[in-house]
Amino acid sequence: MQNRMYTLRYQLHPEFDALFSEPILATTLALMQAELVSPGAPQDVSLNALTELVRQASHGKLGAPLALALVQSAHTSFASPPLARRSPSI
């Protein structure tokens, strides 16, 4: 399951895991649950809201610097967009 989650994060936002000490933390799980892994997502959320999510998920250990790093990484990420799902033709 961890490998599948890593693959998904790598496809969506290759630089995402480099911002964390470990790939599976409460903070990364909270960001995935809030659908804030793809590069476009952190750009659409206010920095204050993102900071608060990071702070709550990390129990106060992380905050504004990580939120800002996520936004900056999202602006410079070179990710391929996910493919649109097609309904089966059968």
PDB file of N, CA and C in Angstrom:
ATOM      1  N   MET A   1       0.827  -1.181   0.000  1.00  0.00           N
ATOM      2  CA  MET A   1       0.000   0.000   0.000  1.00  0.00           C
ATOM      3  C   MET A   1       0.880   1.256   0.000  1.00  0.00           C
ATOM      4  N   GLN A   2       1.966   1.227   0.768  1.00  0.00           N
ATOM      5  CA  GLN A   2       2.870   2.376   0.796  1.00  0.00           C
ATOM      6  C   GLN A   2       3.495   2.623  -0.570  1.00  0.00           C
ATOM      7  N   ASN A   3       3.845   1.560  -1.263  1.00  0.00           N
ATOM      8  CA  ASN A   3       4.423   1.707  -2.602  1.00  0.00           C
ATOM      9  C   ASN A   3       3.414   2.327  -3.570  1.00  0.00           C
ATOM     10  N   ARG A   4       2.161   1.922  -3.471  1.00  0.00           N
ATOM     11  CA  ARG A   4       1.131   2.496  -4.336  1.00  0.00           C
ATOM     12  C   ARG A   4       0.935   3.982  -4.034  1.00  0.00           C
ATOM     13  N   MET A   5       0.959   4.333  -2.746  1.00  0.00           N
ATOM     14  CA  MET A   5       0.806   5.736  -2.361  1.00  0.00           C
ATOM     15  C   MET A   5       2.001   6.555  -2.848  1.00  0.00           C
ATOM     16  N   TYR A   6       3.193   5.988  -2.740  1.00  0.00           N
ATOM     17  CA  TYR A   6       4.388   6.681  -3.218  1.00  0.00           C
ATOM     18  C   TYR A   6       4.302   6.906  -4.727  1.00  0.00           C
ATOM     19  N   THR A   7       3.896   5.880  -5.457  1.00  0.00           N
ATOM     20  CA  THR A   7       3.773   5.998  -6.911  1.00  0.00           C
ATOM     21  C   THR A   7       2.773   7.081  -7.288  1.00  0.00           C
ATOM     22  N   LEU A   8       1.658   7.110  -6.600  1.00  0.00           N
ATOM     23  CA  LEU A   8       0.648   8.130  -6.876  1.00  0.00           C
ATOM     24  C   LEU A   8       1.200   9.527  -6.600  1.00  0.00           C
ATOM     25  N   ARG A   9       1.860   9.710  -5.462  1.00  0.00           N
ATOM     26  CA  ARG A   9       2.427  11.022  -5.134  1.00  0.00           C
ATOM     27  C   ARG A   9       3.501  11.403  -6.136  1.00  0.00           C
ATOM     28  N   TYR A  10       4.323  10.443  -6.543  1.00  0.00           N
ATOM     29  CA  TYR A  10       5.387  10.739  -7.493  1.00  0.00           C
ATOM     30  C   TYR A  10       4.824  11.158  -8.846  1.00  0.00           C
ATOM     31  N   GLN A  11       3.746  10.526  -9.261  1.00  0.00           N
ATOM     32  CA  GLN A  11       3.124  10.889 -10.537  1.00  0.00           C
ATOM     33  C   GLN A  11       2.481  12.267 -10.468  1.00  0.00           C
ATOM     34  N   LEU A  12       1.859  12.577  -9.351  1.00  0.00           N
ATOM     35  CA  LEU A  12       1.151  13.844  -9.212  1.00  0.00           C
ATOM     36  C   LEU A  12       2.080  15.024  -8.933  1.00  0.00           C
ATOM     37  N   HIS A  13       3.036  14.810  -8.038  1.00  0.00           N
ATOM     38  CA  HIS A  13       3.898  15.902  -7.574  1.00  0.00           C
ATOM     39  C   HIS A  13       5.247  15.304  -7.159  1.00  0.00           C
ATOM     40  N   PRO A  14       6.155  15.120  -8.108  1.00  0.00           N
ATOM     41  CA  PRO A  14       7.410  14.409  -7.845  1.00  0.00           C
ATOM     42  C   PRO A  14       8.233  14.970  -6.681  1.00  0.00           C
ATOM     43  N   GLU A  15       8.155  16.250  -6.431  1.00  0.00           N
ATOM     44  CA  GLU A  15       8.970  16.859  -5.374  1.00  0.00           C
ATOM     45  C   GLU A  15       8.319  16.780  -3.990  1.00  0.00           C
ATOM     46  N   PHE A  16       7.113  16.273  -3.904  1.00  0.00           N
ATOM     47  CA  PHE A  16       6.347  16.255  -2.657  1.00  0.00           C
ATOM     48  C   PHE A  16       7.104  15.569  -1.527  1.00  0.00           C
ATOM     49  N   ASP A  17       7.573  14.340  -1.743  1.00  0.00           N
ATOM     50  CA  ASP A  17       8.222  13.573  -0.676  1.00  0.00           C
ATOM     51  C   ASP A  17       9.524  14.192  -0.200  1.00  0.00           C
ATOM     52  N   ALA A  18      10.181  14.973  -1.043  1.00  0.00           N
ATOM     53  CA  ALA A  18      11.445  15.596  -0.641  1.00  0.00           C
ATOM     54  C   ALA A  18      11.242  16.644   0.453  1.00  0.00           C
ATOM     55  N   LEU A  19      10.017  17.080   0.662  1.00  0.00           N
ATOM     56  CA  LEU A  19       9.729  18.097   1.672  1.00  0.00           C
ATOM     57  C   LEU A  19       9.537  17.502   3.068  1.00  0.00           C
ATOM     58  N   PHE A  20       9.521  16.180   3.163  1.00  0.00           N
ATOM     59  CA  PHE A  20       9.241  15.516   4.435  1.00  0.00           C
ATOM     60  C   PHE A  20      10.379  14.582   4.815  1.00  0.00           C
ATOM     61  N   SER A  21      10.537  14.360   6.127  1.00  0.00           N
ATOM     62  CA  SER A  21      11.596  13.472   6.599  1.00  0.00           C
ATOM     63  C   SER A  21      11.283  12.015   6.290  1.00  0.00           C
ATOM     64  N   GLU A  22      10.009  11.660   6.266  1.00  0.00           N
ATOM     65  CA  GLU A  22       9.575  10.312   5.925  1.00  0.00           C
ATOM     66  C   GLU A  22       8.346  10.429   5.022  1.00  0.00           C
ATOM     67  N   PRO A  23       8.196   9.510   4.087  1.00  0.00           N
ATOM     68  CA  PRO A  23       7.069   9.634   3.140  1.00  0.00           C
ATOM     69  C   PRO A  23       5.698   9.407   3.760  1.00  0.00           C
ATOM     70  N   ILE A  24       5.600   8.601   4.814  1.00  0.00           N
ATOM     71  CA  ILE A  24       4.308   8.332   5.433  1.00  0.00           C
ATOM     72  C   ILE A  24       4.326   8.893   6.853  1.00  0.00           C
ATOM     73  N   LEU A  25       3.744  10.044   6.995  1.00  0.00           N
ATOM     74  CA  LEU A  25       3.592  10.724   8.278  1.00  0.00           C
ATOM     75  C   LEU A  25       2.144  11.164   8.400  1.00  0.00           C
ATOM     76  N   ALA A  26       1.747  11.558   9.580  1.00  0.00           N
ATOM     77  CA  ALA A  26       0.388  12.072   9.755  1.00  0.00           C
ATOM     78  C   ALA A  26       0.154  13.279   8.854  1.00  0.00           C
ATOM     79  N   THR A  27       1.187  14.088   8.653  1.00  0.00           N
ATOM     80  CA  THR A  27       1.045  15.283   7.828  1.00  0.00           C
ATOM     81  C   THR A  27       0.833  14.929   6.366  1.00  0.00           C
ATOM     82  N   THR A  28       1.623  13.998   5.834  1.00  0.00           N
ATOM     83  CA  THR A  28       1.448  13.616   4.430  1.00  0.00           C
ATOM     84  C   THR A  28       0.093  12.946   4.225  1.00  0.00           C
ATOM     85  N   LEU A  29      -0.330  12.137   5.189  1.00  0.00           N
ATOM     86  CA  LEU A  29      -1.638  11.492   5.074  1.00  0.00           C
ATOM     87  C   LEU A  29      -2.764  12.519   5.108  1.00  0.00           C
ATOM     88  N   ALA A  30      -2.635  13.536   5.962  1.00  0.00           N
ATOM     89  CA  ALA A  30      -3.654  14.586   6.031  1.00  0.00           C
ATOM     90  C   ALA A  30      -3.709  15.370   4.720  1.00  0.00           C
ATOM     91  N   LEU A  31      -2.553  15.646   4.129  1.00  0.00           N
ATOM     92  CA  LEU A  31      -2.517  16.360   2.848  1.00  0.00           C
ATOM     93  C   LEU A  31      -3.118  15.515   1.737  1.00  0.00           C
ATOM     94  N   MET A  32      -2.867  14.203   1.768  1.00  0.00           N
ATOM     95  CA  MET A  32      -3.465  13.323   0.771  1.00  0.00           C
ATOM     96  C   MET A  32      -4.975  13.251   0.967  1.00  0.00           C
ATOM     97  N   GLN A  33      -5.408  13.156   2.219  1.00  0.00           N
ATOM     98  CA  GLN A  33      -6.832  13.071   2.507  1.00  0.00           C
ATOM     99  C   GLN A  33      -7.555  14.350   2.080  1.00  0.00           C
ATOM    100  N   ALA A  34      -6.893  15.493   2.216  1.00  0.00           N
ATOM    101  CA  ALA A  34      -7.486  16.767   1.806  1.00  0.00           C
ATOM    102  C   ALA A  34      -7.299  17.023   0.310  1.00  0.00           C
ATOM    103  N   GLU A  35      -6.725  16.050  -0.393  1.00  0.00           N
ATOM    104  CA  GLU A  35      -6.464  16.134  -1.833  1.00  0.00           C
ATOM    105  C   GLU A  35      -5.581  17.335  -2.184  1.00  0.00           C
ATOM    106  N   LEU A  36      -4.507  17.504  -1.407  1.00  0.00           N
ATOM    107  CA  LEU A  36      -3.573  18.607  -1.614  1.00  0.00           C
ATOM    108  C   LEU A  36      -2.206  18.134  -2.084  1.00  0.00           C
ATOM    109  N   VAL A  37      -2.156  16.982  -2.738  1.00  0.00           N
ATOM    110  CA  VAL A  37      -0.880  16.465  -3.237  1.00  0.00           C
ATOM    111  C   VAL A  37      -0.588  16.975  -4.641  1.00  0.00           C
ATOM    112  N   SER A  38      -1.589  17.060  -5.471  1.00  0.00           N
ATOM    113  CA  SER A  38      -1.333  17.507  -6.839  1.00  0.00           C
ATOM    114  C   SER A  38      -0.872  18.960  -6.825  1.00  0.00           C
ATOM    115  N   PRO A  39       0.020  19.341  -7.745  1.00  0.00           N
ATOM    116  CA  PRO A  39       0.583  20.689  -7.731  1.00  0.00           C
ATOM    117  C   PRO A  39      -0.438  21.817  -7.797  1.00  0.00           C
ATOM    118  N   GLY A  40      -1.555  21.608  -8.460  1.00  0.00           N
ATOM    119  CA  GLY A  40      -2.544  22.677  -8.549  1.00  0.00           C
ATOM    120  C   GLY A  40      -3.293  22.912  -7.252  1.00  0.00           C
ATOM    121  N   ALA A  41      -3.384  21.894  -6.412  1.00  0.00           N
ATOM    122  CA  ALA A  41      -4.181  21.998  -5.187  1.00  0.00           C
ATOM    123  C   ALA A  41      -3.638  23.008  -4.176  1.00  0.00           C
ATOM    124  N   PRO A  42      -2.349  22.962  -3.791  1.00  0.00           N
ATOM    125  CA  PRO A  42      -1.872  23.950  -2.816  1.00  0.00           C
ATOM    126  C   PRO A  42      -1.972  25.385  -3.322  1.00  0.00           C
ATOM    127  N   GLN A  43      -1.964  25.558  -4.617  1.00  0.00           N
ATOM    128  CA  GLN A  43      -2.081  26.899  -5.180  1.00  0.00           C
ATOM    129  C   GLN A  43      -3.499  27.437  -5.025  1.00  0.00           C
ATOM    130  N   ASP A  44      -4.479  26.537  -4.907  1.00  0.00           N
ATOM    131  CA  ASP A  44      -5.878  26.939  -4.809  1.00  0.00           C
ATOM    132  C   ASP A  44      -6.340  27.164  -3.374  1.00  0.00           C
ATOM    133  N   VAL A  45      -5.507  26.827  -2.395  1.00  0.00           N
ATOM    134  CA  VAL A  45      -5.857  26.963  -0.981  1.00  0.00           C
ATOM    135  C   VAL A  45      -5.086  28.141  -0.407  1.00  0.00           C
ATOM    136  N   SER A  46      -5.703  28.862   0.509  1.00  0.00           N
ATOM    137  CA  SER A  46      -4.992  29.988   1.121  1.00  0.00           C
ATOM    138  C   SER A  46      -3.819  29.459   1.942  1.00  0.00           C
ATOM    139  N   LEU A  47      -2.775  30.249   2.013  1.00  0.00           N
ATOM    140  CA  LEU A  47      -1.585  29.851   2.769  1.00  0.00           C
ATOM    141  C   LEU A  47      -1.932  29.649   4.239  1.00  0.00           C
ATOM    142  N   ASN A  48      -2.836  30.453   4.776  1.00  0.00           N
ATOM    143  CA  ASN A  48      -3.241  30.305   6.181  1.00  0.00           C
ATOM    144  C   ASN A  48      -3.946  28.978   6.413  1.00  0.00           C
ATOM    145  N   ALA A  49      -4.841  28.590   5.504  1.00  0.00           N
ATOM    146  CA  ALA A  49      -5.554  27.317   5.641  1.00  0.00           C
ATOM    147  C   ALA A  49      -4.592  26.141   5.517  1.00  0.00           C
ATOM    148  N   LEU A  50      -3.666  26.227   4.579  1.00  0.00           N
ATOM    149  CA  LEU A  50      -2.673  25.163   4.411  1.00  0.00           C
ATOM    150  C   LEU A  50      -1.773  25.069   5.635  1.00  0.00           C
ATOM    151  N   THR A  51      -1.355  26.211   6.161  1.00  0.00           N
ATOM    152  CA  THR A  51      -0.520  26.237   7.370  1.00  0.00           C
ATOM    153  C   THR A  51      -1.250  25.597   8.542  1.00  0.00           C
ATOM    154  N   GLU A  52      -2.521  25.919   8.696  1.00  0.00           N
ATOM    155  CA  GLU A  52      -3.301  25.362   9.802  1.00  0.00           C
ATOM    156  C   GLU A  52      -3.458  23.853   9.665  1.00  0.00           C
ATOM    157  N   LEU A  53      -3.696  23.368   8.457  1.00  0.00           N
ATOM    158  CA  LEU A  53      -3.794  21.924   8.233  1.00  0.00           C
ATOM    159  C   LEU A  53      -2.487  21.228   8.588  1.00  0.00           C
ATOM    160  N   VAL A  54      -1.380  21.785   8.126  1.00  0.00           N
ATOM    161  CA  VAL A  54      -0.056  21.207   8.415  1.00  0.00           C
ATOM    162  C   VAL A  54       0.211  21.239   9.920  1.00  0.00           C
ATOM    163  N   ARG A  55      -0.108  22.339  10.560  1.00  0.00           N
ATOM    164  CA  ARG A  55       0.132  22.478  12.001  1.00  0.00           C
ATOM    165  C   ARG A  55      -0.688  21.463  12.791  1.00  0.00           C
ATOM    166  N   GLN A  56      -1.967  21.319  12.449  1.00  0.00           N
ATOM    167  CA  GLN A  56      -2.826  20.368  13.160  1.00  0.00           C
ATOM    168  C   GLN A  56      -2.387  18.934  12.930  1.00  0.00           C
ATOM    169  N   ALA A  57      -2.084  18.591  11.687  1.00  0.00           N
ATOM    170  CA  ALA A  57      -1.700  17.212  11.369  1.00  0.00           C
ATOM    171  C   ALA A  57      -0.381  16.821  12.023  1.00  0.00           C
ATOM    172  N   SER A  58       0.523  17.777  12.171  1.00  0.00           N
ATOM    173  CA  SER A  58       1.834  17.476  12.757  1.00  0.00           C
ATOM    174  C   SER A  58       1.865  17.740  14.256  1.00  0.00           C
ATOM    175  N   HIS A  59       0.722  18.038  14.839  1.00  0.00           N
ATOM    176  CA  HIS A  59       0.625  18.342  16.276  1.00  0.00           C
ATOM    177  C   HIS A  59       1.542  19.492  16.672  1.00  0.00           C
ATOM    178  N   GLY A  60       1.582  20.514  15.820  1.00  0.00           N
ATOM    179  CA  GLY A  60       2.336  21.722  16.118  1.00  0.00           C
ATOM    180  C   GLY A  60       3.813  21.683  15.773  1.00  0.00           C
ATOM    181  N   LYS A  61       4.299  20.574  15.243  1.00  0.00           N
ATOM    182  CA  LYS A  61       5.731  20.457  14.921  1.00  0.00           C
ATOM    183  C   LYS A  61       6.083  21.179  13.623  1.00  0.00           C
ATOM    184  N   LEU A  62       5.160  21.216  12.690  1.00  0.00           N
ATOM    185  CA  LEU A  62       5.385  21.853  11.390  1.00  0.00           C
ATOM    186  C   LEU A  62       4.371  22.966  11.221  1.00  0.00           C
ATOM    187  N   GLY A  63       4.658  23.887  10.315  1.00  0.00           N
ATOM    188  CA  GLY A  63       3.720  24.982  10.135  1.00  0.00           C
ATOM    189  C   GLY A  63       3.974  25.773   8.875  1.00  0.00           C
ATOM    190  N   ALA A  64       4.099  27.088   9.028  1.00  0.00           N
ATOM    191  CA  ALA A  64       4.204  28.013   7.903  1.00  0.00           C
ATOM    192  C   ALA A  64       5.374  27.706   6.964  1.00  0.00           C
ATOM    193  N   PRO A  65       6.578  27.385   7.468  1.00  0.00           N
ATOM    194  CA  PRO A  65       7.664  27.104   6.516  1.00  0.00           C
ATOM    195  C   PRO A  65       7.355  25.934   5.579  1.00  0.00           C
ATOM    196  N   LEU A  66       6.740  24.878   6.104  1.00  0.00           N
ATOM    197  CA  LEU A  66       6.396  23.732   5.251  1.00  0.00           C
ATOM    198  C   LEU A  66       5.267  24.095   4.293  1.00  0.00           C
ATOM    199  N   ALA A  67       4.276  24.815   4.773  1.00  0.00           N
ATOM    200  CA  ALA A  67       3.174  25.226   3.900  1.00  0.00           C
ATOM    201  C   ALA A  67       3.695  26.076   2.750  1.00  0.00           C
ATOM    202  N   LEU A  68       4.585  26.996   3.043  1.00  0.00           N
ATOM    203  CA  LEU A  68       5.168  27.841   1.999  1.00  0.00           C
ATOM    204  C   LEU A  68       6.008  27.002   1.033  1.00  0.00           C
ATOM    205  N   ALA A  69       6.754  26.046   1.560  1.00  0.00           N
ATOM    206  CA  ALA A  69       7.559  25.164   0.710  1.00  0.00           C
ATOM    207  C   ALA A  69       6.659  24.336  -0.211  1.00  0.00           C
ATOM    208  N   LEU A  70       5.510  23.886   0.293  1.00  0.00           N
ATOM    209  CA  LEU A  70       4.567  23.130  -0.537  1.00  0.00           C
ATOM    210  C   LEU A  70       4.039  23.987  -1.688  1.00  0.00           C
ATOM    211  N   VAL A  71       3.703  25.227  -1.392  1.00  0.00           N
ATOM    212  CA  VAL A  71       3.191  26.122  -2.433  1.00  0.00           C
ATOM    213  C   VAL A  71       4.272  26.410  -3.466  1.00  0.00           C
ATOM    214  N   GLN A  72       5.491  26.686  -2.991  1.00  0.00           N
ATOM    215  CA  GLN A  72       6.588  26.964  -3.924  1.00  0.00           C
ATOM    216  C   GLN A  72       6.903  25.740  -4.769  1.00  0.00           C
ATOM    217  N   SER A  73       6.886  24.566  -4.163  1.00  0.00           N
ATOM    218  CA  SER A  73       7.135  23.336  -4.908  1.00  0.00           C
ATOM    219  C   SER A  73       6.040  23.108  -5.947  1.00  0.00           C
ATOM    220  N   ALA A  74       4.815  23.412  -5.578  1.00  0.00           N
ATOM    221  CA  ALA A  74       3.704  23.249  -6.517  1.00  0.00           C
ATOM    222  C   ALA A  74       3.866  24.159  -7.727  1.00  0.00           C
ATOM    223  N   HIS A  75       4.398  25.349  -7.517  1.00  0.00           N
ATOM    224  CA  HIS A  75       4.591  26.285  -8.631  1.00  0.00           C
ATOM    225  C   HIS A  75       5.697  25.834  -9.583  1.00  0.00           C
ATOM    226  N   THR A  76       6.672  25.092  -9.077  1.00  0.00           N
ATOM    227  CA  THR A  76       7.822  24.718  -9.898  1.00  0.00           C
ATOM    228  C   THR A  76       7.845  23.236 -10.272  1.00  0.00           C
ATOM    229  N   SER A  77       6.828  22.482  -9.861  1.00  0.00           N
ATOM    230  CA  SER A  77       6.806  21.046 -10.114  1.00  0.00           C
ATOM    231  C   SER A  77       6.682  20.743 -11.601  1.00  0.00           C
ATOM    232  N   PHE A  78       7.314  19.669 -11.994  1.00  0.00           N
ATOM    233  CA  PHE A  78       7.213  19.193 -13.373  1.00  0.00           C
ATOM    234  C   PHE A  78       6.513  17.845 -13.334  1.00  0.00           C
ATOM    235  N   ALA A  79       5.213  17.898 -13.141  1.00  0.00           N
ATOM    236  CA  ALA A  79       4.429  16.671 -13.056  1.00  0.00           C
ATOM    237  C   ALA A  79       3.565  16.530 -14.288  1.00  0.00           C
ATOM    238  N   SER A  80       3.305  15.299 -14.646  1.00  0.00           N
ATOM    239  CA  SER A  80       2.393  15.079 -15.771  1.00  0.00           C
ATOM    240  C   SER A  80       0.977  15.032 -15.220  1.00  0.00           C
ATOM    241  N   PRO A  81       0.039  15.655 -15.902  1.00  0.00           N
ATOM    242  CA  PRO A  81      -1.343  15.645 -15.392  1.00  0.00           C
ATOM    243  C   PRO A  81      -1.922  14.235 -15.429  1.00  0.00           C
ATOM    244  N   PRO A  82      -2.792  13.924 -14.475  1.00  0.00           N
ATOM    245  CA  PRO A  82      -3.403  12.597 -14.502  1.00  0.00           C
ATOM    246  C   PRO A  82      -4.275  12.427 -15.736  1.00  0.00           C
ATOM    247  N   LEU A  83      -4.328  11.213 -16.230  1.00  0.00           N
ATOM    248  CA  LEU A  83      -5.155  10.923 -17.391  1.00  0.00           C
ATOM    249  C   LEU A  83      -6.623  10.952 -17.007  1.00  0.00           C
ATOM    250  N   ALA A  84      -7.424  11.426 -17.919  1.00  0.00           N
ATOM    251  CA  ALA A  84      -8.874  11.428 -17.670  1.00  0.00           C
ATOM    252  C   ALA A  84      -9.382   9.995 -17.724  1.00  0.00           C
ATOM    253  N   ARG A  85     -10.281   9.694 -16.829  1.00  0.00           N
ATOM    254  CA  ARG A  85     -10.848   8.343 -16.829  1.00  0.00           C
ATOM    255  C   ARG A  85     -11.945   8.253 -17.877  1.00  0.00           C
ATOM    256  N   ARG A  86     -11.874   7.177 -18.617  1.00  0.00           N
ATOM    257  CA  ARG A  86     -12.899   6.950 -19.636  1.00  0.00           C
ATOM    258  C   ARG A  86     -13.791   5.814 -19.187  1.00  0.00           C
ATOM    259  N   SER A  87     -15.041   5.916 -19.505  1.00  0.00           N
ATOM    260  CA  SER A  87     -15.950   4.812 -19.196  1.00  0.00           C
ATOM    261  C   SER A  87     -15.742   3.717 -20.236  1.00  0.00           C
ATOM    262  N   PRO A  88     -15.898   2.496 -19.830  1.00  0.00           N
ATOM    263  CA  PRO A  88     -15.694   1.393 -20.779  1.00  0.00           C
ATOM    264  C   PRO A  88     -16.671   1.486 -21.934  1.00  0.00           C
ATOM    265  N   SER A  89     -16.223   1.087 -23.094  1.00  0.00           N
ATOM    266  CA  SER A  89     -17.073   1.161 -24.291  1.00  0.00           C
ATOM    267  C   SER A  89     -17.926  -0.092 -24.472  1.00  0.00           C
ATOM    268  N   ILE A  90     -17.808  -1.014 -23.554  1.00  0.00           N
ATOM    269  CA  ILE A  90     -18.572  -2.269 -23.672  1.00  0.00           C
ATOM    270  C   ILE A  90     -19.938  -2.102 -23.068  1.00  0.00           C
TER     271      ILE A  90
END
